[in-house]
Amino acid sequence: MKTSITLSEEIIAAIDRLTRKGGSRSETIERLLKQSFTAEARRARDRKDLQIINDNAETLNEEAEDVLTY
């Protein structure tokens, strides 16, 4: 699928610096977007995991204190 977008000269220059020898801007943009999407999914999972830990922190701390008394 093809699409057209308009990017600033600054962004084009950055893409050109990141483009691998023999590669294309399109390949570079796709690679960078995939990396960004993967990183965002990881951050979302981390936020969810942290929320689960925080929601259960009191119980987990009580269990830890109980274990330490032995």
N, C-alpha and C. Protein backbone atom coordinates (compact mmCIF):
# COMPACT_ATOMS: atom_id res chain seq x y z
N MET A 1 0.85 -1.17 0.00
CA MET A 1 0.00 0.00 0.00
C MET A 1 0.89 1.23 0.00
N LYS A 2 0.48 2.23 -0.72
CA LYS A 2 1.24 3.47 -0.77
C LYS A 2 0.42 4.59 -0.16
N THR A 3 1.15 5.53 0.43
CA THR A 3 0.52 6.73 0.97
C THR A 3 1.51 7.87 0.84
N SER A 4 1.00 9.06 0.87
CA SER A 4 1.88 10.24 0.80
C SER A 4 1.72 11.05 2.07
N ILE A 5 2.84 11.52 2.58
CA ILE A 5 2.82 12.38 3.75
C ILE A 5 3.79 13.54 3.52
N THR A 6 3.59 14.59 4.26
CA THR A 6 4.48 15.74 4.18
C THR A 6 5.27 15.81 5.49
N LEU A 7 6.58 15.88 5.36
CA LEU A 7 7.46 15.95 6.53
C LEU A 7 8.35 17.18 6.40
N SER A 8 8.75 17.71 7.53
CA SER A 8 9.64 18.87 7.52
C SER A 8 11.03 18.46 7.03
N GLU A 9 11.79 19.45 6.61
CA GLU A 9 13.16 19.19 6.16
C GLU A 9 13.99 18.59 7.29
N GLU A 10 13.72 19.03 8.51
CA GLU A 10 14.45 18.52 9.69
C GLU A 10 14.20 17.01 9.86
N ILE A 11 12.97 16.59 9.71
CA ILE A 11 12.63 15.17 9.85
C ILE A 11 13.24 14.37 8.70
N ILE A 12 13.16 14.90 7.49
CA ILE A 12 13.76 14.21 6.34
C ILE A 12 15.26 14.03 6.55
N ALA A 13 15.92 15.06 7.05
CA ALA A 13 17.37 14.97 7.30
C ALA A 13 17.65 13.89 8.34
N ALA A 14 16.83 13.82 9.39
CA ALA A 14 17.03 12.79 10.42
C ALA A 14 16.80 11.40 9.84
N ILE A 15 15.79 11.26 9.01
CA ILE A 15 15.53 9.96 8.36
C ILE A 15 16.70 9.58 7.48
N ASP A 16 17.21 10.53 6.73
CA ASP A 16 18.36 10.24 5.86
C ASP A 16 19.57 9.78 6.67
N ARG A 17 19.79 10.37 7.84
CA ARG A 17 20.92 9.96 8.68
C ARG A 17 20.72 8.53 9.19
N LEU A 18 19.48 8.14 9.41
CA LEU A 18 19.19 6.82 9.97
C LEU A 18 18.98 5.74 8.91
N THR A 19 18.95 6.15 7.66
CA THR A 19 18.73 5.17 6.59
C THR A 19 20.01 4.37 6.36
N ARG A 20 19.84 3.07 6.37
CA ARG A 20 20.98 2.18 6.17
C ARG A 20 21.46 2.26 4.73
N LYS A 21 22.75 2.03 4.55
CA LYS A 21 23.33 2.09 3.21
C LYS A 21 22.56 1.15 2.29
N GLY A 22 22.13 1.67 1.17
CA GLY A 22 21.38 0.88 0.21
C GLY A 22 19.90 0.77 0.54
N GLY A 23 19.50 1.35 1.69
CA GLY A 23 18.10 1.30 2.10
C GLY A 23 17.33 2.48 1.55
N SER A 24 16.07 2.51 1.87
CA SER A 24 15.23 3.61 1.41
C SER A 24 14.61 4.33 2.60
N ARG A 25 14.15 5.53 2.32
CA ARG A 25 13.46 6.29 3.37
C ARG A 25 12.23 5.52 3.85
N SER A 26 11.51 4.92 2.92
CA SER A 26 10.30 4.17 3.29
C SER A 26 10.63 3.05 4.25
N GLU A 27 11.69 2.31 3.97
CA GLU A 27 12.11 1.22 4.87
C GLU A 27 12.48 1.77 6.24
N THR A 28 13.17 2.89 6.25
CA THR A 28 13.59 3.49 7.51
C THR A 28 12.38 3.96 8.31
N ILE A 29 11.45 4.63 7.66
CA ILE A 29 10.26 5.11 8.34
C ILE A 29 9.47 3.93 8.89
N GLU A 30 9.31 2.88 8.11
CA GLU A 30 8.57 1.70 8.58
C GLU A 30 9.27 1.05 9.78
N ARG A 31 10.59 0.93 9.71
CA ARG A 31 11.36 0.35 10.82
C ARG A 31 11.19 1.18 12.09
N LEU A 32 11.31 2.49 11.95
CA LEU A 32 11.19 3.38 13.11
C LEU A 32 9.78 3.35 13.70
N LEU A 33 8.78 3.29 12.86
CA LEU A 33 7.40 3.21 13.35
C LEU A 33 7.17 1.90 14.09
N LYS A 34 7.66 0.80 13.53
CA LYS A 34 7.51 -0.49 14.21
C LYS A 34 8.18 -0.47 15.57
N GLN A 35 9.38 0.11 15.64
CA GLN A 35 10.08 0.21 16.93
C GLN A 35 9.28 1.05 17.92
N SER A 36 8.71 2.14 17.43
CA SER A 36 7.92 3.01 18.28
C SER A 36 6.68 2.30 18.79
N PHE A 37 5.99 1.56 17.92
CA PHE A 37 4.79 0.84 18.32
C PHE A 37 5.12 -0.25 19.34
N THR A 38 6.23 -0.94 19.13
CA THR A 38 6.66 -1.98 20.06
C THR A 38 6.99 -1.38 21.42
N ALA A 39 7.69 -0.25 21.42
CA ALA A 39 8.05 0.41 22.67
C ALA A 39 6.80 0.90 23.40
N GLU A 40 5.84 1.43 22.67
CA GLU A 40 4.61 1.91 23.31
C GLU A 40 3.82 0.75 23.90
N ALA A 41 3.76 -0.38 23.20
CA ALA A 41 3.07 -1.55 23.74
C ALA A 41 3.75 -2.03 25.02
N ARG A 42 5.09 -1.99 25.04
CA ARG A 42 5.84 -2.39 26.24
C ARG A 42 5.54 -1.44 27.40
N ARG A 43 5.50 -0.14 27.11
CA ARG A 43 5.19 0.83 28.16
C ARG A 43 3.77 0.62 28.70
N ALA A 44 2.84 0.29 27.83
CA ALA A 44 1.46 0.04 28.27
C ALA A 44 1.41 -1.20 29.16
N ARG A 45 2.14 -2.26 28.79
CA ARG A 45 2.19 -3.46 29.64
C ARG A 45 2.82 -3.14 30.98
N ASP A 46 3.89 -2.36 30.97
CA ASP A 46 4.56 -1.98 32.21
C ASP A 46 3.63 -1.18 33.12
N ARG A 47 2.86 -0.25 32.52
CA ARG A 47 1.90 0.53 33.32
C ARG A 47 0.85 -0.38 33.94
N LYS A 48 0.37 -1.34 33.16
CA LYS A 48 -0.64 -2.29 33.65
C LYS A 48 -0.06 -3.13 34.79
N ASP A 49 1.15 -3.65 34.59
CA ASP A 49 1.80 -4.45 35.63
C ASP A 49 2.01 -3.64 36.90
N LEU A 50 2.45 -2.40 36.75
CA LEU A 50 2.67 -1.54 37.92
C LEU A 50 1.36 -1.30 38.66
N GLN A 51 0.29 -1.10 37.91
CA GLN A 51 -1.01 -0.89 38.54
C GLN A 51 -1.44 -2.12 39.33
N ILE A 52 -1.21 -3.30 38.77
CA ILE A 52 -1.54 -4.55 39.48
C ILE A 52 -0.74 -4.65 40.77
N ILE A 53 0.55 -4.35 40.70
CA ILE A 53 1.41 -4.40 41.89
C ILE A 53 0.93 -3.39 42.92
N ASN A 54 0.65 -2.16 42.46
CA ASN A 54 0.19 -1.13 43.39
C ASN A 54 -1.15 -1.49 44.02
N ASP A 55 -2.04 -2.09 43.23
CA ASP A 55 -3.34 -2.49 43.76
C ASP A 55 -3.22 -3.56 44.83
N ASN A 56 -2.15 -4.34 44.76
CA ASN A 56 -1.95 -5.44 45.70
C ASN A 56 -0.82 -5.20 46.68
N ALA A 57 -0.29 -3.99 46.72
CA ALA A 57 0.89 -3.69 47.53
C ALA A 57 0.67 -3.97 49.01
N GLU A 58 -0.47 -3.59 49.54
CA GLU A 58 -0.70 -3.77 50.96
C GLU A 58 -0.67 -5.25 51.33
N THR A 59 -1.35 -6.07 50.55
CA THR A 59 -1.36 -7.51 50.81
C THR A 59 0.03 -8.11 50.65
N LEU A 60 0.72 -7.72 49.61
CA LEU A 60 2.07 -8.24 49.37
C LEU A 60 3.01 -7.85 50.51
N ASN A 61 2.90 -6.61 50.97
CA ASN A 61 3.75 -6.15 52.08
C ASN A 61 3.44 -6.91 53.36
N GLU A 62 2.16 -7.15 53.61
CA GLU A 62 1.79 -7.91 54.81
C GLU A 62 2.36 -9.33 54.76
N GLU A 63 2.28 -9.96 53.60
CA GLU A 63 2.82 -11.31 53.44
C GLU A 63 4.33 -11.30 53.64
N ALA A 64 5.00 -10.28 53.11
CA ALA A 64 6.46 -10.19 53.25
C ALA A 64 6.84 -10.01 54.71
N GLU A 65 6.11 -9.17 55.43
CA GLU A 65 6.40 -8.97 56.85
C GLU A 65 6.17 -10.27 57.64
N ASP A 66 5.12 -11.00 57.28
CA ASP A 66 4.83 -12.27 57.93
C ASP A 66 5.96 -13.27 57.72
N VAL A 67 6.46 -13.35 56.49
CA VAL A 67 7.56 -14.27 56.18
C VAL A 67 8.82 -13.88 56.96
N LEU A 68 9.06 -12.59 57.07
CA LEU A 68 10.27 -12.15 57.77
C LEU A 68 10.24 -12.41 59.26
N THR A 69 9.08 -12.64 59.82
CA THR A 69 9.00 -12.93 61.25
C THR A 69 9.43 -14.35 61.57
N TYR A 70 9.53 -15.21 60.56
CA TYR A 70 9.93 -16.62 60.82
C TYR A 70 11.41 -16.74 60.98
